[in-house]
Structures are given as structure tokens and as C-alpha cells.
Amino acid sequence: MDKRTLGTNGPRVSAIGLGCMGMSSGYSDRPDRQEMISLVRAAVDRGVTFFDTAEVYGPYVNEELVGEALAPYRDQVVIATKFGWDIDPVELKSTGRVISRPDHIRKVVEGSLRRLGVDTIDLYYQHRVDPQVPIEDVAGTVGELIEAGKVKHFGLSEAAAGTIRRAHAVQPVAAVQSEYSLWWRRPEEDVLATCAELGIGFVPFSPLGRGFLTGTITASTSFDPSNDIRSSIPRFAPDALEHNRAVVDLLTGIGERRGATPGQIALAWLLAQQPWIVPIPGTTKPHRLDENLAAADIDLSPDELAEIDSAASTIQVQGGRYSDAAESLTNL
């Protein structure tokens, strides 16, 4: 697979990475751990070198899974993980609050290093901006971890342009992660321009709209309320799904002409936006992994990109991409 560099000084990684959250939590499936380890290793065999996890996924168990799966390939891959959610040490679940005090960052990095089985974290993101802690303090603390050899690169997740600038002035930001796809394009307002100006890579999570852009989700699809975050997302209410089908229809039409699936066209569109954009679709199924990675071989023409943008501009997507409570915890 082709490689891309995340920004000016960030790591060089496969053009498409693998988001690993769903292998442990977040969606209706409850995958077998050994099968997920095999899937991660299959991704390496297919050329993937960029893997994304976080301490809060599980919590903790996803980092352990990724660490075990990638142990034989440590010198071949880039592992990104995240800090910034408060996790109850007794109940072992997120409290729903963010926390990025310097002393907390210094503590939790040790747990991530241990669970991943590494001496250095390749890319360490602040998972959510903490309004109680100046971003300069966060950047400075991660800078200290870089000097200590515990972290290689600093990243931010769901951060606004102004926050990115302030952090970058203290410790260079290698990558910004945020949701970005044809049905959620807010990063185009100012974050992408800021990344371009400062030489920062951009990593879209949920590049397939949490599965919707694959065309496999309909208004009759049900989501497990005990485990699937989509059960609380307004965009996945039946009426919204029915309305938003227009986005899938657009991708399907382009795909039929190119012999590709709608999901592949969605990923190819992202890859065409900038050479420093690296999407990280997640999956728990080998055939979906193959499908997603094949999108790296699809070069959309200028006419096709213009057609997609023109058609998409006429579609008013319904429903928030998060609940109001979850959206309030982003910095966007």
C-alpha cells in the first residue's frame, strides 16, 4: 500500500489505517478477542502500518489487544493511542468527564506503555480538550514525555483551529484527529486549513459514517442500547436514516460506474482531499478489511470529485453526529 506522511514532521504510515475501537466496544458486535488479534495481523500482512486505539476503549482492553496483536511487528508499525477521559478505577468505565491535568497525563502514559507492550508511544493524542486545563500545559507535558523518550509525536482529537494553534506553538502537533466524511464536513470550515498552514497531518475517524456510508444500514437496522453508541446518536434515528440515504445513493451511483462499493468511494473521496489525510476505518470482519483497503487503489478523477461535491451540496443531512451531551465535550 502507498504511504503518506502525517504533516511535515509526523510519522510515515499506510495511506489507510485501522481504527481498532470496535474490536472491544462501541458497536453491537461483541467480537472474539483472538479473532480480532488475527484481524489486526491480517491488516499488517496487507500493508497497513497505522493502528489507532485509546485507553478508554474498553477501557484498557483495546490497548492490550492491539499491543498483543502487534508485538511481532513492532518495528514495522505506528501505534496511536489517546489520553484525556476520566476512568473510574473501581467500575472500570469512563465517568463521562474529561481530564488532562499534567500529573494525570504523566500517570496514565505509564499504563498505556505497559498495556501496549512498548517503550515509546508513536503518536499520543489528547482524546478530548479539557476546558479546565490550558492547552499549553497539555502540550508542554507531552513535550516532556517526548524528551523522556516515552512518546514520539503529539496529537489532538476533536480540537478547534485556535486550540491547535496554541498547542502547536508549545509542542509541534503531528496530527489532528476528528470525524470527517461526506456526511460530516465541519473540519473543512477551518481545521483543515489550519493543518495545511502548520504542516499537520489529519486523521479522519468514522470515515464511513459509523458504517452508514457502506450502504448496509437502513431505517430498520437496530442498535444494541447496552453497547452500541449509535443507539443514542440522532443521525441514526429511523427517520434520519431514511432521509440521509441520499448520501449513500450518491456514492452508490459513482461506485457502480467504477466497479466499487459506496464505502470504497467514500474513502477514495477522503484520500483525494489532501495527501496528508489518512483515514482510519474500523471493522471486525476480514472481508470488510479487504474492501476498505482496496479503496487506496481508486483514483477519482477531477470530474468525479466535482460531481460528488456538487451533488453532496444539495443534500441536507439530518440529525446530530453525537447526542447534545457528547457534542458538548468536543472542542469544535
Protein backbone atom coordinates (compact mmCIF):
# COMPACT_ATOMS: atom_id res chain seq x y z
CA MET A 1 0.00 0.00 0.00
CA ASP A 2 1.11 3.57 -0.67
CA LYS A 3 2.46 5.55 2.27
CA ARG A 4 1.62 9.06 3.44
CA THR A 5 3.39 11.35 5.88
CA LEU A 6 1.28 12.92 8.60
CA GLY A 7 2.16 16.56 8.17
CA THR A 8 5.66 17.98 7.93
CA ASN A 9 7.35 16.06 10.71
CA GLY A 10 4.89 13.32 11.61
CA PRO A 11 5.22 9.58 11.07
CA ARG A 12 5.05 7.95 7.65
CA VAL A 13 2.17 5.49 7.55
CA SER A 14 -0.02 3.48 5.21
CA ALA A 15 -2.50 5.58 3.23
CA ILE A 16 -5.34 3.86 5.12
CA GLY A 17 -5.00 2.89 8.76
CA LEU A 18 -7.11 0.71 11.02
CA GLY A 19 -9.31 2.04 13.82
CA CYS A 20 -9.45 -0.64 16.50
CA MET A 21 -12.11 0.67 18.92
CA GLY A 22 -14.91 -1.53 17.62
CA MET A 23 -12.87 -4.64 18.31
CA SER A 24 -13.57 -4.15 22.02
CA SER A 25 -16.53 -1.80 22.46
CA GLY A 26 -18.83 0.78 20.95
CA TYR A 27 -20.89 -1.25 18.48
CA SER A 28 -23.47 -4.01 18.57
CA ASP A 29 -20.99 -6.75 17.73
CA ARG A 30 -19.11 -8.38 20.60
CA PRO A 31 -16.15 -9.81 18.71
CA ASP A 32 -13.99 -12.70 19.80
CA ARG A 33 -10.66 -11.38 21.07
CA GLN A 34 -8.49 -13.93 19.29
CA GLU A 35 -10.31 -13.31 16.03
CA MET A 36 -9.59 -9.59 16.40
CA ILE A 37 -5.91 -10.26 17.05
CA SER A 38 -5.87 -12.29 13.84
CA LEU A 39 -7.63 -9.44 12.02
CA VAL A 40 -5.05 -6.88 13.16
CA ARG A 41 -2.27 -9.16 12.00
CA ALA A 42 -4.05 -9.70 8.68
CA ALA A 43 -4.07 -5.92 8.25
CA VAL A 44 -0.29 -5.85 8.69
CA ASP A 45 0.04 -8.58 6.07
CA ARG A 46 -2.00 -6.40 3.70
CA GLY A 47 0.24 -3.37 4.15
CA VAL A 48 -1.42 -1.46 7.00
CA THR A 49 1.15 0.21 9.25
CA PHE A 50 -1.06 2.64 11.23
CA PHE A 51 -3.23 1.43 14.11
CA ASP A 52 -5.45 3.53 16.39
CA THR A 53 -6.54 2.75 19.94
CA ALA A 54 -7.14 4.57 23.25
CA GLU A 55 -7.06 3.84 26.97
CA VAL A 56 -10.81 4.49 27.25
CA TYR A 57 -11.70 1.82 24.68
CA GLY A 58 -12.89 -0.95 26.92
CA PRO A 59 -11.48 0.71 29.00
CA TYR A 60 -7.94 -0.58 28.68
CA VAL A 61 -8.67 -3.88 26.95
CA ASN A 62 -8.33 -2.45 23.45
CA GLU A 63 -4.80 -1.25 24.12
CA GLU A 64 -3.97 -4.71 25.44
CA LEU A 65 -5.45 -6.34 22.35
CA VAL A 66 -3.57 -4.04 19.97
CA GLY A 67 -0.35 -4.46 21.92
CA GLU A 68 -0.53 -8.25 21.80
CA ALA A 69 -1.54 -8.33 18.14
CA LEU A 70 1.28 -6.04 17.01
CA ALA A 71 4.06 -7.37 19.24
CA PRO A 72 5.62 -9.41 16.40
CA TYR A 73 5.61 -6.36 14.09
CA ARG A 74 6.63 -3.58 16.46
CA ASP A 75 9.36 -2.18 14.22
CA GLN A 76 7.03 -2.16 11.19
CA VAL A 77 4.03 -0.23 12.53
CA VAL A 78 2.91 3.07 14.03
CA ILE A 79 0.59 2.83 17.05
CA ALA A 80 -1.53 5.79 18.12
CA THR A 81 -3.30 5.91 21.46
CA LYS A 82 -5.07 8.60 23.48
CA PHE A 83 -5.47 10.06 26.95
CA GLY A 84 -7.97 12.51 28.36
CA TRP A 85 -11.03 10.68 29.66
CA ASP A 86 -11.57 10.18 33.37
CA ILE A 87 -11.89 6.43 34.07
CA ASP A 88 -13.35 5.11 37.32
CA PRO A 89 -10.68 2.78 38.77
CA VAL A 90 -13.25 0.61 40.56
CA GLU A 91 -16.00 0.25 37.98
CA LEU A 92 -13.51 0.39 35.10
CA LYS A 93 -15.59 2.64 32.92
CA SER A 94 -15.50 6.25 31.81
CA THR A 95 -17.12 8.75 34.15
CA GLY A 96 -18.04 10.86 31.14
CA ARG A 97 -15.70 13.64 32.26
CA VAL A 98 -12.51 14.80 30.56
CA ILE A 99 -9.23 15.18 32.43
CA SER A 100 -5.85 16.38 31.17
CA ARG A 101 -4.02 17.71 34.20
CA PRO A 102 -0.25 17.34 33.74
CA ASP A 103 0.04 14.95 36.69
CA HIS A 104 -2.73 12.81 35.23
CA ILE A 105 -1.04 12.64 31.81
CA ARG A 106 2.27 11.60 33.40
CA LYS A 107 0.46 8.84 35.27
CA VAL A 108 -1.71 7.40 32.52
CA VAL A 109 1.05 7.28 29.92
CA GLU A 110 2.70 4.57 32.01
CA GLY A 111 -0.43 2.42 31.81
CA SER A 112 -0.67 2.81 28.05
CA LEU A 113 3.01 1.93 27.60
CA ARG A 114 2.53 -1.19 29.70
CA ARG A 115 -0.66 -2.36 28.01
CA LEU A 116 0.75 -1.78 24.53
CA GLY A 117 3.97 -3.52 25.49
CA VAL A 118 6.14 -0.72 24.08
CA ASP A 119 8.88 1.61 25.32
CA THR A 120 7.61 4.54 23.26
CA ILE A 121 4.16 5.56 22.02
CA ASP A 122 4.41 6.61 18.37
CA LEU A 123 1.52 9.11 18.43
CA TYR A 124 -0.13 10.28 21.66
CA TYR A 125 -3.38 12.20 21.24
CA GLN A 126 -5.30 14.24 23.75
CA HIS A 127 -8.64 12.49 23.25
CA ARG A 128 -10.79 15.48 24.17
CA VAL A 129 -9.75 19.02 25.03
CA ASP A 130 -10.08 19.72 28.76
CA PRO A 131 -11.56 23.22 29.27
CA GLN A 132 -10.15 23.27 32.81
CA VAL A 133 -6.53 22.87 31.70
CA PRO A 134 -4.75 25.34 29.38
CA ILE A 135 -3.82 23.56 26.17
CA GLU A 136 -0.32 25.00 26.59
CA ASP A 137 0.07 22.93 29.77
CA VAL A 138 -1.05 19.79 27.95
CA ALA A 139 1.31 20.42 25.05
CA GLY A 140 4.18 21.14 27.41
CA THR A 141 3.58 17.95 29.37
CA VAL A 142 3.53 15.80 26.23
CA GLY A 143 6.68 17.64 25.15
CA GLU A 144 8.32 16.47 28.37
CA LEU A 145 7.26 12.90 27.58
CA ILE A 146 8.81 13.26 24.15
CA GLU A 147 12.06 14.46 25.69
CA ALA A 148 11.95 11.49 28.06
CA GLY A 149 11.58 9.08 25.14
CA LYS A 150 8.13 7.86 26.16
CA VAL A 151 6.31 9.48 23.23
CA LYS A 152 7.42 10.27 19.66
CA HIS A 153 4.65 12.55 18.37
CA PHE A 154 1.88 14.72 19.85
CA GLY A 155 -1.67 14.75 18.52
CA LEU A 156 -5.05 16.35 19.24
CA SER A 157 -8.53 14.93 18.77
CA GLU A 158 -11.68 16.97 18.05
CA ALA A 159 -9.81 20.25 18.63
CA ALA A 160 -10.74 23.65 17.19
CA ALA A 161 -8.39 25.64 14.98
CA GLY A 162 -7.48 28.11 17.71
CA THR A 163 -6.68 25.31 20.14
CA ILE A 164 -4.49 23.61 17.55
CA ARG A 165 -2.52 26.81 17.00
CA ARG A 166 -1.94 27.37 20.70
CA ALA A 167 -0.81 23.80 21.27
CA HIS A 168 1.44 23.79 18.20
CA ALA A 169 3.23 26.91 19.42
CA VAL A 170 4.38 24.99 22.52
CA GLN A 171 4.91 21.48 21.12
CA PRO A 172 4.59 20.72 17.40
CA VAL A 173 1.40 18.81 16.66
CA ALA A 174 2.00 15.93 14.25
CA ALA A 175 -1.64 15.02 13.63
CA VAL A 176 -5.18 16.14 14.36
CA GLN A 177 -7.89 13.50 14.53
CA SER A 178 -11.53 14.30 14.01
CA GLU A 179 -14.62 12.84 12.45
CA TYR A 180 -14.71 13.67 8.75
CA SER A 181 -16.66 12.16 5.88
CA LEU A 182 -19.15 13.11 3.22
CA TRP A 183 -21.87 13.31 5.85
CA TRP A 184 -19.93 15.35 8.42
CA ARG A 185 -17.69 18.01 6.88
CA ARG A 186 -17.18 20.58 9.62
CA PRO A 187 -13.35 20.23 9.55
CA GLU A 188 -13.50 21.96 6.16
CA GLU A 189 -14.58 25.18 7.86
CA ASP A 190 -11.16 25.96 9.37
CA VAL A 191 -9.40 22.93 10.86
CA LEU A 192 -8.11 21.55 7.55
CA ALA A 193 -6.80 24.95 6.51
CA THR A 194 -5.02 25.27 9.84
CA CYS A 195 -3.44 21.84 9.40
CA ALA A 196 -2.29 22.78 5.90
CA GLU A 197 -0.77 26.05 7.13
CA LEU A 198 1.06 24.49 10.08
CA GLY A 199 2.15 21.27 8.39
CA ILE A 200 -0.05 18.97 10.49
CA GLY A 201 -1.48 15.66 9.31
CA PHE A 202 -5.20 14.94 9.54
CA VAL A 203 -6.70 11.59 10.55
CA PRO A 204 -10.44 11.17 9.88
CA PHE A 205 -12.15 8.75 12.24
CA SER A 206 -15.55 7.31 11.34
CA PRO A 207 -14.71 7.95 7.66
CA LEU A 208 -17.57 5.61 6.73
CA GLY A 209 -20.10 7.41 8.92
CA ARG A 210 -20.03 4.67 11.59
CA GLY A 211 -20.97 2.19 8.90
CA PHE A 212 -23.76 4.18 7.28
CA LEU A 213 -21.82 5.10 4.14
CA THR A 214 -21.27 1.43 3.32
CA GLY A 215 -24.95 1.15 2.43
CA THR A 216 -25.52 -1.71 4.88
CA ILE A 217 -27.57 0.28 7.41
CA THR A 218 -31.25 1.04 6.80
CA ALA A 219 -34.09 2.61 8.74
CA SER A 220 -34.96 -0.86 10.08
CA THR A 221 -31.47 -1.55 11.46
CA SER A 222 -31.43 -1.91 15.26
CA PHE A 223 -28.58 -0.98 17.59
CA ASP A 224 -27.86 -2.63 20.94
CA PRO A 225 -28.51 0.15 23.51
CA SER A 226 -26.21 -1.53 26.04
CA ASN A 227 -23.17 -1.50 23.77
CA ASP A 228 -23.74 0.47 20.57
CA ILE A 229 -23.11 4.22 20.63
CA ARG A 230 -25.27 4.65 17.54
CA SER A 231 -28.37 3.91 19.64
CA SER A 232 -28.03 7.40 21.17
CA ILE A 233 -26.97 9.31 18.04
CA PRO A 234 -29.76 11.38 16.41
CA ARG A 235 -28.34 10.75 12.96
CA PHE A 236 -29.17 7.05 13.37
CA ALA A 237 -32.84 7.52 14.25
CA PRO A 238 -35.03 5.76 11.64
CA ASP A 239 -36.41 8.97 10.08
CA ALA A 240 -32.93 10.47 9.79
CA LEU A 241 -31.52 7.29 8.28
CA GLU A 242 -34.24 7.27 5.67
CA HIS A 243 -33.60 10.90 4.76
CA ASN A 244 -29.81 10.55 4.77
CA ARG A 245 -29.97 7.63 2.37
CA ALA A 246 -29.41 10.23 -0.36
CA VAL A 247 -25.73 10.35 0.55
CA VAL A 248 -25.40 6.58 0.11
CA ASP A 249 -27.29 6.75 -3.18
CA LEU A 250 -24.79 9.31 -4.43
CA LEU A 251 -21.83 7.10 -3.51
CA THR A 252 -23.53 4.02 -4.93
CA GLY A 253 -24.04 5.72 -8.28
CA ILE A 254 -20.37 6.64 -8.59
CA GLY A 255 -19.36 3.19 -7.37
CA GLU A 256 -21.44 1.36 -9.93
CA ARG A 257 -19.58 3.17 -12.71
CA ARG A 258 -16.20 2.36 -11.13
CA GLY A 259 -16.92 -1.21 -10.05
CA ALA A 260 -16.60 -0.17 -6.42
CA THR A 261 -18.74 -0.17 -3.30
CA PRO A 262 -20.16 3.04 -1.80
CA GLY A 263 -17.80 2.66 1.14
CA GLN A 264 -14.80 2.50 -1.17
CA ILE A 265 -15.88 5.67 -2.95
CA ALA A 266 -16.33 7.40 0.42
CA LEU A 267 -12.75 6.50 1.39
CA ALA A 268 -11.35 7.38 -2.03
CA TRP A 269 -13.02 10.81 -1.77
CA LEU A 270 -11.27 11.42 1.55
CA LEU A 271 -7.91 10.32 0.19
CA ALA A 272 -8.33 12.75 -2.72
CA GLN A 273 -8.82 15.77 -0.46
CA GLN A 274 -5.18 16.13 0.67
CA PRO A 275 -2.03 13.94 0.52
CA TRP A 276 -1.63 14.29 4.30
CA ILE A 277 -5.06 12.88 5.15
CA VAL A 278 -5.05 9.28 6.44
CA PRO A 279 -8.48 7.78 7.25
CA ILE A 280 -8.77 5.02 9.85
CA PRO A 281 -11.90 2.96 9.09
CA GLY A 282 -12.65 0.30 11.66
CA THR A 283 -14.02 -3.17 11.08
CA THR A 284 -14.33 -6.56 12.75
CA LYS A 285 -14.72 -8.54 9.52
CA PRO A 286 -11.91 -9.73 7.22
CA HIS A 287 -13.89 -9.12 4.02
CA ARG A 288 -14.62 -5.54 5.09
CA LEU A 289 -10.93 -5.02 5.81
CA ASP A 290 -10.11 -6.10 2.26
CA GLU A 291 -12.85 -3.89 0.87
CA ASN A 292 -11.68 -0.82 2.78
CA LEU A 293 -8.02 -1.24 1.88
CA ALA A 294 -8.85 -1.64 -1.82
CA ALA A 295 -10.12 1.96 -1.74
CA ALA A 296 -6.49 3.11 -1.72
CA ASP A 297 -6.25 1.95 -5.35
CA ILE A 298 -9.19 4.09 -6.53
CA ASP A 299 -8.19 7.43 -8.03
CA LEU A 300 -11.25 9.60 -8.50
CA SER A 301 -10.99 11.95 -11.46
CA PRO A 302 -11.43 15.73 -11.09
CA ASP A 303 -14.79 15.39 -12.84
CA GLU A 304 -15.91 12.67 -10.41
CA LEU A 305 -14.81 14.71 -7.40
CA ALA A 306 -16.67 17.74 -8.75
CA GLU A 307 -19.75 15.59 -9.34
CA ILE A 308 -19.65 14.28 -5.77
CA ASP A 309 -19.18 17.73 -4.25
CA SER A 310 -21.93 19.25 -6.38
CA ALA A 311 -24.43 16.53 -5.52
CA ALA A 312 -23.47 16.45 -1.85
CA SER A 313 -24.00 20.20 -1.55
CA THR A 314 -27.71 19.68 -2.30
CA ILE A 315 -28.17 17.13 0.50
CA GLN A 316 -29.03 18.47 3.94
CA VAL A 317 -28.03 15.69 6.31
CA GLN A 318 -30.45 15.29 9.22
CA GLY A 319 -29.58 14.56 12.83
CA GLY A 320 -26.59 15.37 15.01
CA ARG A 321 -23.49 13.24 14.72
CA TYR A 322 -23.48 12.95 18.53
CA SER A 323 -26.01 13.43 21.28
CA ASP A 324 -26.01 17.00 22.60
CA ALA A 325 -24.11 15.87 25.71
CA ALA A 326 -21.39 14.13 23.72
CA GLU A 327 -21.06 17.01 21.26
CA SER A 328 -20.59 19.44 24.15
CA LEU A 329 -17.45 17.55 25.15
CA THR A 330 -15.77 18.27 21.82
CA ASN A 331 -13.82 21.47 21.19
CA LEU A 332 -15.42 22.13 17.81
